[in-house]
N, C-alpha and C. Protein backbone atom coordinates (compact mmCIF):
# COMPACT_ATOMS: atom_id res chain seq x y z
N MET A 1 -10.89 20.86 -7.45
CA MET A 1 -11.18 20.99 -6.01
C MET A 1 -12.56 20.39 -5.73
N LEU A 2 -12.65 19.59 -4.68
CA LEU A 2 -13.92 18.96 -4.33
C LEU A 2 -14.76 19.89 -3.47
N ASN A 3 -16.08 19.71 -3.54
CA ASN A 3 -16.92 20.52 -2.66
C ASN A 3 -16.97 19.88 -1.26
N GLU A 4 -17.57 20.60 -0.33
CA GLU A 4 -17.56 20.14 1.06
C GLU A 4 -18.25 18.80 1.24
N ARG A 5 -19.31 18.53 0.47
CA ARG A 5 -20.05 17.27 0.62
C ARG A 5 -19.16 16.09 0.19
N LEU A 6 -18.42 16.27 -0.90
CA LEU A 6 -17.56 15.18 -1.35
C LEU A 6 -16.42 14.96 -0.36
N GLU A 7 -15.94 16.05 0.24
CA GLU A 7 -14.90 15.90 1.27
C GLU A 7 -15.43 15.14 2.49
N GLU A 8 -16.71 15.38 2.83
CA GLU A 8 -17.31 14.66 3.96
C GLU A 8 -17.34 13.16 3.69
N ILE A 9 -17.62 12.80 2.43
CA ILE A 9 -17.66 11.37 2.09
C ILE A 9 -16.27 10.75 2.20
N LEU A 10 -15.25 11.49 1.72
CA LEU A 10 -13.88 10.98 1.85
C LEU A 10 -13.52 10.77 3.31
N GLU A 11 -13.95 11.71 4.15
CA GLU A 11 -13.69 11.59 5.59
C GLU A 11 -14.34 10.31 6.15
N ALA A 12 -15.56 10.04 5.70
CA ALA A 12 -16.27 8.84 6.19
C ALA A 12 -15.59 7.56 5.70
N ILE A 13 -15.06 7.60 4.48
CA ILE A 13 -14.33 6.43 3.96
C ILE A 13 -13.10 6.17 4.83
N TRP A 14 -12.42 7.26 5.20
CA TRP A 14 -11.23 7.12 6.06
C TRP A 14 -11.60 6.50 7.41
N VAL A 15 -12.66 7.03 8.02
CA VAL A 15 -13.07 6.55 9.34
C VAL A 15 -13.49 5.08 9.27
N ALA A 16 -14.25 4.72 8.21
CA ALA A 16 -14.67 3.32 8.05
C ALA A 16 -13.45 2.43 7.88
N ARG A 17 -12.48 2.91 7.12
CA ARG A 17 -11.28 2.09 6.88
C ARG A 17 -10.51 1.86 8.17
N GLU A 18 -10.52 2.85 9.07
CA GLU A 18 -9.85 2.66 10.36
C GLU A 18 -10.49 1.50 11.13
N LYS A 19 -11.79 1.27 10.85
CA LYS A 19 -12.50 0.17 11.50
C LYS A 19 -12.44 -1.10 10.66
N LYS A 20 -11.55 -1.05 9.64
CA LYS A 20 -11.38 -2.18 8.71
C LYS A 20 -12.68 -2.51 7.98
N GLN A 21 -13.41 -1.45 7.63
CA GLN A 21 -14.66 -1.61 6.88
C GLN A 21 -14.55 -0.82 5.57
N SER A 22 -15.17 -1.33 4.54
CA SER A 22 -15.13 -0.62 3.26
C SER A 22 -16.47 -0.71 2.52
N SER A 23 -17.49 -1.25 3.19
CA SER A 23 -18.79 -1.36 2.51
C SER A 23 -19.48 -0.01 2.45
N LEU A 24 -20.35 0.15 1.49
CA LEU A 24 -21.10 1.40 1.35
C LEU A 24 -21.93 1.67 2.60
N ALA A 25 -22.49 0.61 3.19
CA ALA A 25 -23.31 0.77 4.40
C ALA A 25 -22.46 1.32 5.54
N ALA A 26 -21.22 0.83 5.68
CA ALA A 26 -20.34 1.30 6.76
C ALA A 26 -19.97 2.76 6.54
N ILE A 27 -19.75 3.11 5.28
CA ILE A 27 -19.37 4.50 4.98
C ILE A 27 -20.55 5.44 5.26
N ARG A 28 -21.75 5.01 4.87
CA ARG A 28 -22.93 5.84 5.18
C ARG A 28 -23.09 6.01 6.70
N GLU A 29 -22.83 4.94 7.42
CA GLU A 29 -22.98 4.98 8.88
C GLU A 29 -22.01 5.96 9.53
N ASN A 30 -20.82 6.12 8.91
CA ASN A 30 -19.79 6.99 9.48
C ASN A 30 -19.78 8.39 8.88
N CYS A 31 -20.74 8.67 8.01
CA CYS A 31 -20.74 9.96 7.31
C CYS A 31 -21.69 10.95 8.00
N ALA A 32 -21.25 12.19 8.10
CA ALA A 32 -22.06 13.22 8.77
C ALA A 32 -23.23 13.68 7.90
N ILE A 33 -23.21 13.32 6.61
CA ILE A 33 -24.29 13.74 5.71
C ILE A 33 -24.90 12.53 5.02
N GLN A 34 -26.13 12.69 4.53
CA GLN A 34 -26.74 11.69 3.67
C GLN A 34 -26.26 11.98 2.25
N PHE A 35 -25.66 11.01 1.60
CA PHE A 35 -25.15 11.29 0.26
C PHE A 35 -25.78 10.34 -0.76
N SER A 36 -25.68 10.77 -2.01
CA SER A 36 -26.32 10.02 -3.09
C SER A 36 -25.31 9.18 -3.87
N GLY A 37 -25.82 8.25 -4.66
CA GLY A 37 -24.95 7.46 -5.52
C GLY A 37 -24.23 8.32 -6.55
N SER A 38 -24.89 9.40 -7.00
CA SER A 38 -24.25 10.27 -7.99
C SER A 38 -23.05 10.99 -7.39
N GLU A 39 -23.10 11.25 -6.08
CA GLU A 39 -21.94 11.89 -5.45
C GLU A 39 -20.77 10.91 -5.36
N LEU A 40 -21.06 9.64 -5.13
CA LEU A 40 -19.99 8.64 -5.15
C LEU A 40 -19.39 8.55 -6.55
N LYS A 41 -20.27 8.59 -7.54
CA LYS A 41 -19.79 8.56 -8.92
C LYS A 41 -18.90 9.78 -9.21
N ALA A 42 -19.27 10.91 -8.63
CA ALA A 42 -18.46 12.12 -8.82
C ALA A 42 -17.07 11.92 -8.24
N LEU A 43 -17.00 11.25 -7.10
CA LEU A 43 -15.68 10.96 -6.51
C LEU A 43 -14.89 10.02 -7.41
N GLU A 44 -15.61 9.08 -8.01
CA GLU A 44 -14.94 8.15 -8.92
C GLU A 44 -14.42 8.89 -10.16
N ARG A 45 -15.23 9.80 -10.69
CA ARG A 45 -14.79 10.57 -11.87
C ARG A 45 -13.59 11.44 -11.54
N ASN A 46 -13.52 11.90 -10.29
CA ASN A 46 -12.37 12.71 -9.86
C ASN A 46 -11.19 11.86 -9.45
N LYS A 47 -11.30 10.53 -9.69
CA LYS A 47 -10.21 9.59 -9.41
C LYS A 47 -9.84 9.55 -7.93
N MET A 48 -10.85 9.73 -7.08
CA MET A 48 -10.62 9.69 -5.64
C MET A 48 -10.95 8.33 -5.04
N VAL A 49 -11.88 7.59 -5.67
CA VAL A 49 -12.28 6.28 -5.14
C VAL A 49 -12.42 5.29 -6.28
N LEU A 50 -12.39 4.01 -5.89
CA LEU A 50 -12.69 2.92 -6.81
C LEU A 50 -13.93 2.23 -6.28
N LEU A 51 -14.94 2.10 -7.12
CA LEU A 51 -16.19 1.43 -6.71
C LEU A 51 -16.17 0.01 -7.24
N ASN A 52 -16.41 -0.93 -6.33
CA ASN A 52 -16.41 -2.34 -6.72
C ASN A 52 -17.60 -3.02 -6.06
N GLY A 53 -18.74 -2.98 -6.76
CA GLY A 53 -19.95 -3.52 -6.17
C GLY A 53 -20.35 -2.70 -4.95
N ASP A 54 -20.43 -3.35 -3.80
CA ASP A 54 -20.80 -2.65 -2.57
C ASP A 54 -19.57 -2.10 -1.83
N GLU A 55 -18.41 -2.31 -2.41
CA GLU A 55 -17.17 -1.88 -1.75
C GLU A 55 -16.71 -0.53 -2.32
N VAL A 56 -16.17 0.34 -1.43
CA VAL A 56 -15.61 1.62 -1.85
C VAL A 56 -14.19 1.71 -1.31
N HIS A 57 -13.25 1.94 -2.20
CA HIS A 57 -11.85 2.03 -1.78
C HIS A 57 -11.22 3.32 -2.28
N PHE A 58 -10.23 3.81 -1.53
CA PHE A 58 -9.49 4.99 -1.96
C PHE A 58 -8.60 4.66 -3.15
N THR A 59 -8.43 5.63 -4.04
CA THR A 59 -7.28 5.61 -4.94
C THR A 59 -6.12 6.25 -4.16
N HIS A 60 -4.96 6.32 -4.78
CA HIS A 60 -3.82 6.97 -4.11
C HIS A 60 -4.14 8.44 -3.84
N GLU A 61 -4.71 9.12 -4.84
CA GLU A 61 -5.03 10.54 -4.65
C GLU A 61 -6.12 10.73 -3.60
N GLY A 62 -7.10 9.83 -3.61
CA GLY A 62 -8.17 9.93 -2.62
C GLY A 62 -7.66 9.73 -1.21
N GLU A 63 -6.72 8.80 -1.06
CA GLU A 63 -6.15 8.56 0.28
C GLU A 63 -5.37 9.78 0.75
N LYS A 64 -4.63 10.42 -0.17
CA LYS A 64 -3.86 11.62 0.22
C LYS A 64 -4.79 12.73 0.69
N LEU A 65 -5.87 12.96 -0.07
CA LEU A 65 -6.79 14.03 0.32
C LEU A 65 -7.56 13.65 1.58
N GLY A 66 -7.94 12.37 1.70
CA GLY A 66 -8.64 11.93 2.91
C GLY A 66 -7.80 12.15 4.15
N LYS A 67 -6.50 11.92 4.01
CA LYS A 67 -5.58 12.13 5.14
C LYS A 67 -5.55 13.59 5.56
N VAL A 68 -5.51 14.48 4.56
CA VAL A 68 -5.50 15.92 4.86
C VAL A 68 -6.78 16.32 5.58
N ILE A 69 -7.91 15.85 5.09
CA ILE A 69 -9.20 16.24 5.68
C ILE A 69 -9.32 15.73 7.12
N ILE A 70 -8.96 14.47 7.33
CA ILE A 70 -9.11 13.91 8.68
C ILE A 70 -8.12 14.56 9.65
N ARG A 71 -6.94 14.91 9.14
CA ARG A 71 -5.94 15.58 9.99
C ARG A 71 -6.48 16.95 10.44
N ARG A 72 -7.04 17.70 9.49
CA ARG A 72 -7.56 19.03 9.84
C ARG A 72 -8.73 18.91 10.81
N HIS A 73 -9.58 17.94 10.59
CA HIS A 73 -10.73 17.76 11.48
C HIS A 73 -10.27 17.47 12.90
N ARG A 74 -9.33 16.55 13.04
CA ARG A 74 -8.92 16.14 14.39
C ARG A 74 -8.04 17.20 15.08
N LEU A 75 -7.25 17.92 14.28
CA LEU A 75 -6.50 19.04 14.87
C LEU A 75 -7.48 20.10 15.37
N ALA A 76 -8.53 20.35 14.59
CA ALA A 76 -9.54 21.33 15.00
C ALA A 76 -10.22 20.88 16.29
N GLU A 77 -10.45 19.59 16.44
CA GLU A 77 -11.07 19.08 17.67
C GLU A 77 -10.16 19.35 18.88
N VAL A 78 -8.85 19.13 18.70
CA VAL A 78 -7.91 19.39 19.81
C VAL A 78 -7.90 20.88 20.12
N LEU A 79 -7.87 21.70 19.06
CA LEU A 79 -7.82 23.15 19.25
C LEU A 79 -9.03 23.66 20.02
N VAL A 80 -10.22 23.27 19.59
CA VAL A 80 -11.43 23.85 20.19
C VAL A 80 -11.66 23.34 21.62
N THR A 81 -11.17 22.14 21.93
CA THR A 81 -11.39 21.62 23.29
C THR A 81 -10.28 22.05 24.26
N SER A 82 -9.02 22.05 23.77
CA SER A 82 -7.92 22.33 24.71
C SER A 82 -7.60 23.81 24.83
N ILE A 83 -7.76 24.56 23.75
CA ILE A 83 -7.41 25.99 23.78
C ILE A 83 -8.65 26.85 23.93
N LEU A 84 -9.66 26.58 23.12
CA LEU A 84 -10.85 27.43 23.13
C LEU A 84 -11.87 26.98 24.16
N LYS A 85 -11.63 25.83 24.77
CA LYS A 85 -12.48 25.32 25.86
C LYS A 85 -13.93 25.12 25.44
N VAL A 86 -14.11 24.70 24.21
CA VAL A 86 -15.47 24.39 23.74
C VAL A 86 -15.89 23.05 24.33
N LYS A 87 -17.16 22.93 24.69
CA LYS A 87 -17.65 21.67 25.25
C LYS A 87 -17.45 20.54 24.25
N LYS A 88 -17.12 19.37 24.79
CA LYS A 88 -16.77 18.25 23.92
C LYS A 88 -17.91 17.87 22.96
N HIS A 89 -19.16 18.00 23.40
CA HIS A 89 -20.26 17.60 22.52
C HIS A 89 -20.43 18.55 21.35
N LYS A 90 -19.77 19.72 21.42
CA LYS A 90 -19.86 20.69 20.32
C LYS A 90 -18.66 20.60 19.37
N MET A 91 -17.59 19.90 19.82
CA MET A 91 -16.33 19.97 19.07
C MET A 91 -16.46 19.39 17.66
N HIS A 92 -17.24 18.31 17.51
CA HIS A 92 -17.33 17.67 16.20
C HIS A 92 -17.98 18.61 15.18
N GLU A 93 -19.04 19.27 15.62
CA GLU A 93 -19.76 20.19 14.73
C GLU A 93 -18.86 21.34 14.28
N ILE A 94 -18.11 21.91 15.23
CA ILE A 94 -17.23 23.04 14.88
C ILE A 94 -16.08 22.55 14.02
N ALA A 95 -15.52 21.38 14.36
CA ALA A 95 -14.40 20.84 13.58
C ALA A 95 -14.82 20.57 12.14
N CYS A 96 -16.08 20.17 11.94
CA CYS A 96 -16.58 19.92 10.59
C CYS A 96 -16.52 21.19 9.74
N GLU A 97 -16.75 22.33 10.36
CA GLU A 97 -16.68 23.59 9.62
C GLU A 97 -15.24 23.99 9.36
N PHE A 98 -14.38 23.75 10.37
CA PHE A 98 -12.95 24.09 10.25
C PHE A 98 -12.29 23.35 9.10
N GLU A 99 -12.58 22.06 9.01
CA GLU A 99 -11.78 21.19 8.14
C GLU A 99 -11.84 21.60 6.67
N HIS A 100 -12.92 22.26 6.27
CA HIS A 100 -13.07 22.62 4.87
C HIS A 100 -12.43 23.96 4.53
N SER A 101 -12.12 24.76 5.52
CA SER A 101 -11.62 26.10 5.24
C SER A 101 -10.20 26.34 5.73
N LEU A 102 -9.65 25.38 6.47
CA LEU A 102 -8.31 25.58 7.03
C LEU A 102 -7.27 25.56 5.93
N GLN A 103 -6.45 26.60 5.85
CA GLN A 103 -5.39 26.64 4.85
C GLN A 103 -4.19 25.85 5.36
N ALA A 104 -3.39 25.34 4.43
CA ALA A 104 -2.29 24.45 4.80
C ALA A 104 -1.34 25.11 5.79
N GLU A 105 -1.02 26.39 5.54
CA GLU A 105 -0.06 27.04 6.43
C GLU A 105 -0.65 27.27 7.83
N VAL A 106 -1.97 27.47 7.88
CA VAL A 106 -2.62 27.64 9.18
C VAL A 106 -2.66 26.30 9.91
N GLU A 107 -2.93 25.24 9.16
CA GLU A 107 -2.97 23.89 9.74
C GLU A 107 -1.64 23.58 10.42
N GLU A 108 -0.52 23.90 9.74
CA GLU A 108 0.78 23.59 10.32
C GLU A 108 1.06 24.46 11.54
N SER A 109 0.62 25.71 11.49
CA SER A 109 0.82 26.59 12.65
C SER A 109 0.04 26.06 13.86
N ILE A 110 -1.20 25.62 13.62
CA ILE A 110 -2.02 25.10 14.71
C ILE A 110 -1.39 23.83 15.28
N CYS A 111 -0.93 22.94 14.41
CA CYS A 111 -0.32 21.69 14.86
C CYS A 111 0.91 21.97 15.71
N THR A 112 1.74 22.92 15.25
CA THR A 112 2.96 23.28 16.00
C THR A 112 2.58 23.91 17.34
N LEU A 113 1.60 24.81 17.30
CA LEU A 113 1.14 25.46 18.53
C LEU A 113 0.66 24.43 19.56
N LEU A 114 0.02 23.37 19.07
CA LEU A 114 -0.53 22.35 19.97
C LEU A 114 0.51 21.30 20.36
N GLY A 115 1.73 21.41 19.80
CA GLY A 115 2.78 20.44 20.17
C GLY A 115 2.68 19.14 19.39
N HIS A 116 2.13 19.19 18.19
CA HIS A 116 2.02 18.02 17.31
C HIS A 116 1.28 16.86 17.98
N PRO A 117 0.01 17.08 18.33
CA PRO A 117 -0.75 16.00 18.99
C PRO A 117 -0.90 14.79 18.08
N GLU A 118 -0.84 13.60 18.68
CA GLU A 118 -0.95 12.36 17.90
C GLU A 118 -2.34 11.77 17.94
N VAL A 119 -3.16 12.21 18.90
CA VAL A 119 -4.53 11.72 18.97
C VAL A 119 -5.47 12.89 19.26
N CYS A 120 -6.72 12.74 18.84
CA CYS A 120 -7.73 13.76 19.10
C CYS A 120 -8.41 13.46 20.44
N PRO A 121 -9.30 14.32 20.92
CA PRO A 121 -9.94 14.07 22.23
C PRO A 121 -10.67 12.74 22.32
N ASP A 122 -11.07 12.16 21.19
CA ASP A 122 -11.73 10.85 21.21
C ASP A 122 -10.73 9.70 21.19
N GLY A 123 -9.42 10.04 21.17
CA GLY A 123 -8.40 8.99 21.16
C GLY A 123 -8.09 8.46 19.78
N LYS A 124 -8.62 9.13 18.73
CA LYS A 124 -8.35 8.66 17.37
C LYS A 124 -7.05 9.27 16.86
N SER A 125 -6.37 8.53 16.01
CA SER A 125 -5.06 8.94 15.52
C SER A 125 -5.15 10.16 14.60
N ILE A 126 -4.21 11.11 14.78
CA ILE A 126 -4.10 12.27 13.89
C ILE A 126 -2.94 12.01 12.94
N PRO A 127 -3.19 11.91 11.64
CA PRO A 127 -2.07 11.69 10.71
C PRO A 127 -1.05 12.80 10.84
N PRO A 128 0.24 12.47 10.86
CA PRO A 128 1.27 13.52 10.99
C PRO A 128 1.41 14.33 9.71
N GLY A 129 1.84 15.58 9.87
CA GLY A 129 2.10 16.45 8.72
C GLY A 129 3.58 16.73 8.60
N VAL A 130 3.93 17.60 7.67
CA VAL A 130 5.34 17.95 7.46
C VAL A 130 5.93 18.56 8.72
N CYS A 131 5.13 19.39 9.41
CA CYS A 131 5.64 20.06 10.61
C CYS A 131 5.97 19.05 11.70
N CYS A 132 5.21 17.94 11.76
CA CYS A 132 5.47 16.90 12.76
C CYS A 132 6.79 16.19 12.45
N LYS A 133 6.97 15.88 11.16
CA LYS A 133 8.20 15.18 10.77
C LYS A 133 9.43 16.06 11.01
N ASN A 134 9.25 17.38 10.82
CA ASN A 134 10.38 18.31 11.05
C ASN A 134 10.49 18.71 12.51
N ASN A 135 9.56 18.23 13.33
CA ASN A 135 9.51 18.58 14.75
C ASN A 135 9.58 20.10 14.94
N SER A 136 8.79 20.84 14.17
CA SER A 136 8.79 22.30 14.26
C SER A 136 8.36 22.75 15.66
N THR A 137 9.07 23.75 16.15
CA THR A 137 8.74 24.28 17.48
C THR A 137 8.41 25.76 17.44
N ARG A 138 8.59 26.37 16.27
CA ARG A 138 8.39 27.81 16.19
C ARG A 138 7.31 28.13 15.17
N VAL A 139 6.36 28.95 15.59
CA VAL A 139 5.29 29.37 14.68
C VAL A 139 5.64 30.75 14.15
N GLU A 140 5.83 30.82 12.83
CA GLU A 140 6.14 32.11 12.23
C GLU A 140 4.92 33.02 12.26
N ASN A 141 5.18 34.31 12.28
CA ASN A 141 4.09 35.26 12.12
C ASN A 141 3.71 35.28 10.65
N THR A 142 2.75 34.46 10.27
CA THR A 142 2.46 34.28 8.85
C THR A 142 1.59 35.38 8.27
N VAL A 143 0.99 36.22 9.12
CA VAL A 143 0.24 37.36 8.60
C VAL A 143 1.12 38.59 8.76
N THR A 144 1.35 39.24 7.67
CA THR A 144 2.24 40.40 7.72
C THR A 144 1.80 41.42 6.69
N SER A 145 2.35 42.62 6.83
CA SER A 145 2.06 43.66 5.85
C SER A 145 2.74 43.30 4.54
N LEU A 146 2.09 43.58 3.44
CA LEU A 146 2.64 43.29 2.12
C LEU A 146 4.00 43.95 1.93
N ILE A 147 4.18 45.12 2.51
CA ILE A 147 5.42 45.88 2.34
C ILE A 147 6.62 45.14 2.94
N GLU A 148 6.34 44.17 3.85
CA GLU A 148 7.43 43.44 4.50
C GLU A 148 7.96 42.30 3.63
N LEU A 149 7.24 41.93 2.57
CA LEU A 149 7.70 40.83 1.73
C LEU A 149 8.84 41.28 0.82
N SER A 150 9.71 40.31 0.51
CA SER A 150 10.83 40.57 -0.39
C SER A 150 10.46 40.16 -1.81
N PRO A 151 11.21 40.64 -2.80
CA PRO A 151 10.94 40.23 -4.18
C PRO A 151 10.94 38.71 -4.31
N GLY A 152 9.90 38.19 -4.97
CA GLY A 152 9.77 36.74 -5.16
C GLY A 152 8.88 36.09 -4.13
N GLU A 153 8.65 36.75 -3.00
CA GLU A 153 7.78 36.15 -1.97
C GLU A 153 6.32 36.36 -2.34
N GLN A 154 5.51 35.39 -1.89
CA GLN A 154 4.08 35.41 -2.20
C GLN A 154 3.26 35.54 -0.94
N GLY A 155 2.09 36.13 -1.08
CA GLY A 155 1.16 36.21 0.05
C GLY A 155 -0.27 36.25 -0.44
N ARG A 156 -1.16 35.68 0.37
CA ARG A 156 -2.59 35.71 0.04
C ARG A 156 -3.23 36.80 0.88
N ILE A 157 -3.90 37.72 0.25
CA ILE A 157 -4.47 38.87 0.98
C ILE A 157 -5.53 38.39 1.97
N THR A 158 -5.35 38.78 3.24
CA THR A 158 -6.34 38.42 4.26
C THR A 158 -7.28 39.59 4.55
N TYR A 159 -6.71 40.78 4.62
CA TYR A 159 -7.56 41.95 4.79
C TYR A 159 -6.81 43.20 4.38
N ILE A 160 -7.56 44.24 4.12
CA ILE A 160 -6.98 45.52 3.74
C ILE A 160 -7.46 46.57 4.73
N LYS A 161 -6.48 47.24 5.33
CA LYS A 161 -6.85 48.31 6.26
C LYS A 161 -7.15 49.55 5.44
N PRO A 162 -8.36 50.02 5.48
CA PRO A 162 -8.71 51.16 4.61
C PRO A 162 -8.09 52.46 5.09
N GLY A 163 -6.97 52.85 4.47
CA GLY A 163 -6.37 54.14 4.81
C GLY A 163 -7.34 55.26 4.46
N SER A 164 -8.00 55.10 3.33
CA SER A 164 -9.05 56.03 2.93
C SER A 164 -10.00 55.25 2.04
N HIS A 165 -11.22 55.71 1.93
CA HIS A 165 -12.21 55.02 1.10
C HIS A 165 -11.78 55.00 -0.36
N SER A 166 -11.18 56.11 -0.82
CA SER A 166 -10.78 56.16 -2.23
C SER A 166 -9.69 55.13 -2.52
N ASN A 167 -8.71 55.03 -1.59
CA ASN A 167 -7.65 54.03 -1.80
C ASN A 167 -8.22 52.62 -1.83
N LEU A 168 -9.13 52.34 -0.88
CA LEU A 168 -9.71 51.00 -0.80
C LEU A 168 -10.48 50.67 -2.07
N HIS A 169 -11.30 51.59 -2.54
CA HIS A 169 -12.08 51.34 -3.74
C HIS A 169 -11.18 51.17 -4.96
N GLN A 170 -10.08 51.94 -4.96
CA GLN A 170 -9.14 51.84 -6.08
C GLN A 170 -8.50 50.45 -6.11
N LEU A 171 -8.10 49.95 -4.94
CA LEU A 171 -7.49 48.62 -4.88
C LEU A 171 -8.48 47.55 -5.33
N LEU A 172 -9.72 47.67 -4.86
CA LEU A 172 -10.74 46.69 -5.25
C LEU A 172 -10.99 46.74 -6.74
N SER A 173 -10.95 47.95 -7.31
CA SER A 173 -11.20 48.07 -8.75
C SER A 173 -10.07 47.44 -9.56
N PHE A 174 -8.86 47.39 -8.97
CA PHE A 174 -7.73 46.74 -9.64
C PHE A 174 -7.80 45.22 -9.48
N GLY A 175 -8.68 44.75 -8.62
CA GLY A 175 -8.78 43.30 -8.39
C GLY A 175 -8.04 42.83 -7.16
N LEU A 176 -7.49 43.76 -6.39
CA LEU A 176 -6.80 43.39 -5.15
C LEU A 176 -7.82 43.32 -4.02
N SER A 177 -8.16 42.11 -3.63
CA SER A 177 -9.17 41.93 -2.59
C SER A 177 -8.79 40.69 -1.78
N PRO A 178 -9.37 40.50 -0.59
CA PRO A 178 -9.06 39.32 0.22
C PRO A 178 -9.23 38.03 -0.58
N GLY A 179 -8.23 37.14 -0.44
CA GLY A 179 -8.26 35.86 -1.15
C GLY A 179 -7.34 35.83 -2.36
N VAL A 180 -6.96 37.02 -2.85
CA VAL A 180 -6.10 37.08 -4.03
C VAL A 180 -4.64 36.85 -3.60
N THR A 181 -3.93 36.02 -4.36
CA THR A 181 -2.51 35.77 -4.07
C THR A 181 -1.66 36.71 -4.91
N VAL A 182 -0.75 37.42 -4.26
CA VAL A 182 0.12 38.37 -4.96
C VAL A 182 1.58 37.96 -4.75
N THR A 183 2.37 38.26 -5.74
CA THR A 183 3.82 38.04 -5.66
C THR A 183 4.51 39.39 -5.77
N VAL A 184 5.44 39.64 -4.85
CA VAL A 184 6.19 40.89 -4.93
C VAL A 184 7.18 40.76 -6.07
N HIS A 185 7.03 41.64 -7.06
CA HIS A 185 7.91 41.58 -8.23
C HIS A 185 9.21 42.32 -7.96
N ARG A 186 9.10 43.53 -7.47
CA ARG A 186 10.30 44.27 -7.07
C ARG A 186 9.91 45.32 -6.03
N THR A 187 10.90 45.79 -5.31
CA THR A 187 10.62 46.80 -4.27
C THR A 187 11.29 48.14 -4.57
N SER A 188 12.16 48.17 -5.60
CA SER A 188 12.85 49.40 -5.95
C SER A 188 13.07 49.44 -7.47
N PRO A 189 12.92 50.56 -8.14
CA PRO A 189 12.64 51.89 -7.59
C PRO A 189 11.17 52.07 -7.17
N ALA A 190 10.29 51.15 -7.60
CA ALA A 190 8.88 51.23 -7.16
C ALA A 190 8.49 49.88 -6.60
N PHE A 191 7.49 49.87 -5.70
CA PHE A 191 7.01 48.61 -5.12
C PHE A 191 5.98 48.03 -6.08
N CYS A 192 6.33 46.91 -6.71
CA CYS A 192 5.45 46.32 -7.73
C CYS A 192 5.05 44.90 -7.35
N VAL A 193 3.81 44.58 -7.60
CA VAL A 193 3.32 43.23 -7.34
C VAL A 193 2.71 42.67 -8.62
N LYS A 194 2.68 41.32 -8.67
CA LYS A 194 2.02 40.63 -9.77
C LYS A 194 0.90 39.77 -9.21
N PHE A 195 -0.21 39.73 -9.93
CA PHE A 195 -1.31 38.86 -9.54
C PHE A 195 -2.21 38.68 -10.75
N GLU A 196 -2.65 37.45 -10.95
CA GLU A 196 -3.60 37.14 -12.02
C GLU A 196 -3.26 37.86 -13.33
N ASN A 197 -2.04 37.67 -13.81
CA ASN A 197 -1.58 38.25 -15.08
C ASN A 197 -1.56 39.78 -15.08
N THR A 198 -1.54 40.36 -13.91
CA THR A 198 -1.49 41.83 -13.81
C THR A 198 -0.25 42.23 -13.03
N GLU A 199 0.41 43.28 -13.47
CA GLU A 199 1.51 43.85 -12.70
C GLU A 199 1.10 45.25 -12.29
N LEU A 200 1.30 45.57 -11.02
CA LEU A 200 0.78 46.83 -10.50
C LEU A 200 1.80 47.47 -9.58
N ALA A 201 2.06 48.76 -9.79
CA ALA A 201 2.93 49.51 -8.88
C ALA A 201 2.06 50.10 -7.78
N LEU A 202 2.52 49.94 -6.54
CA LEU A 202 1.73 50.42 -5.40
C LEU A 202 2.51 51.46 -4.62
N ASP A 203 1.81 52.46 -4.16
CA ASP A 203 2.41 53.41 -3.24
C ASP A 203 2.77 52.65 -1.96
N PRO A 204 4.00 52.80 -1.45
CA PRO A 204 4.40 52.06 -0.24
C PRO A 204 3.43 52.24 0.93
N GLU A 205 2.85 53.43 1.04
CA GLU A 205 1.91 53.67 2.14
C GLU A 205 0.65 52.81 1.98
N ILE A 206 0.26 52.56 0.73
CA ILE A 206 -0.91 51.71 0.49
C ILE A 206 -0.53 50.24 0.70
N ALA A 207 0.66 49.84 0.20
CA ALA A 207 1.12 48.46 0.38
C ALA A 207 1.22 48.10 1.87
N LYS A 208 1.55 49.11 2.67
CA LYS A 208 1.69 48.88 4.12
C LYS A 208 0.37 48.48 4.76
N ASN A 209 -0.73 48.88 4.15
CA ASN A 209 -2.06 48.59 4.72
C ASN A 209 -2.72 47.35 4.16
N ILE A 210 -1.97 46.60 3.33
CA ILE A 210 -2.48 45.34 2.79
C ILE A 210 -1.82 44.21 3.57
N PHE A 211 -2.61 43.34 4.18
CA PHE A 211 -2.06 42.27 5.02
C PHE A 211 -2.28 40.92 4.34
N VAL A 212 -1.24 40.10 4.39
CA VAL A 212 -1.25 38.84 3.64
C VAL A 212 -0.77 37.67 4.50
N TRP A 213 -1.23 36.47 4.11
CA TRP A 213 -0.61 35.23 4.60
C TRP A 213 0.63 35.02 3.78
N LYS A 214 1.77 34.77 4.43
CA LYS A 214 3.00 34.52 3.68
C LYS A 214 2.97 33.08 3.19
N THR A 215 2.36 32.87 2.03
CA THR A 215 2.20 31.50 1.53
C THR A 215 3.51 30.89 1.08
N SER A 216 4.51 31.70 0.80
CA SER A 216 5.80 31.14 0.39
C SER A 216 6.71 30.92 1.57
N CYS A 217 6.24 31.23 2.78
CA CYS A 217 7.08 31.08 3.98
C CYS A 217 6.67 29.81 4.71
N LEU A 218 7.56 28.84 4.79
CA LEU A 218 7.25 27.59 5.45
C LEU A 218 7.78 27.61 6.86
N LEU A 219 7.11 26.83 7.71
CA LEU A 219 7.60 26.70 9.09
C LEU A 219 8.93 25.99 9.09
N LYS A 220 9.81 26.42 9.96
CA LYS A 220 11.13 25.78 10.04
C LYS A 220 11.16 24.89 11.28
């Protein structure tokens, strides 16, 4: 996984390429951060770019990731200007923060909610995603109680409603905390989940207070 600075450079390479430019100077001009030669080398080591003198080009993997980053950035720009009514001069700054933290399932939900926009407020093209190709019109409720998942379904914990302090501390001591992905192993005779090489039986009342992103549930 690349850090945010390396993702910013990939984004700048994408933007420069849209202008049919590939020189290092053009990429620096289109980048939101000042970056070093060692960071470019890091991208090369990660097989994201090919360096050829003053020219910087995507590899196949770099182009795929660059597309994801630019799509999230421009979707975020549409979201903050059309729905959240953020002033246009602020949208780029906020979108820069969004693009690094947006999860894939949230990205698709936002795109569907917005009606699969093809351009951002600046008129730049938004690369289509799977939801666009499927012409998805329905946004699933992707946050749900863990108890609602069926055996085999996965979810990433978003938050835990503390039924009691002792229950909350017990869950945390087991390693169940926001960000952890759990798979429901079985629901009968006991509700059991698996995560990080651990299998744990949970009281249904406690499982009801754990809320997750349904990562195994795709938009239809």
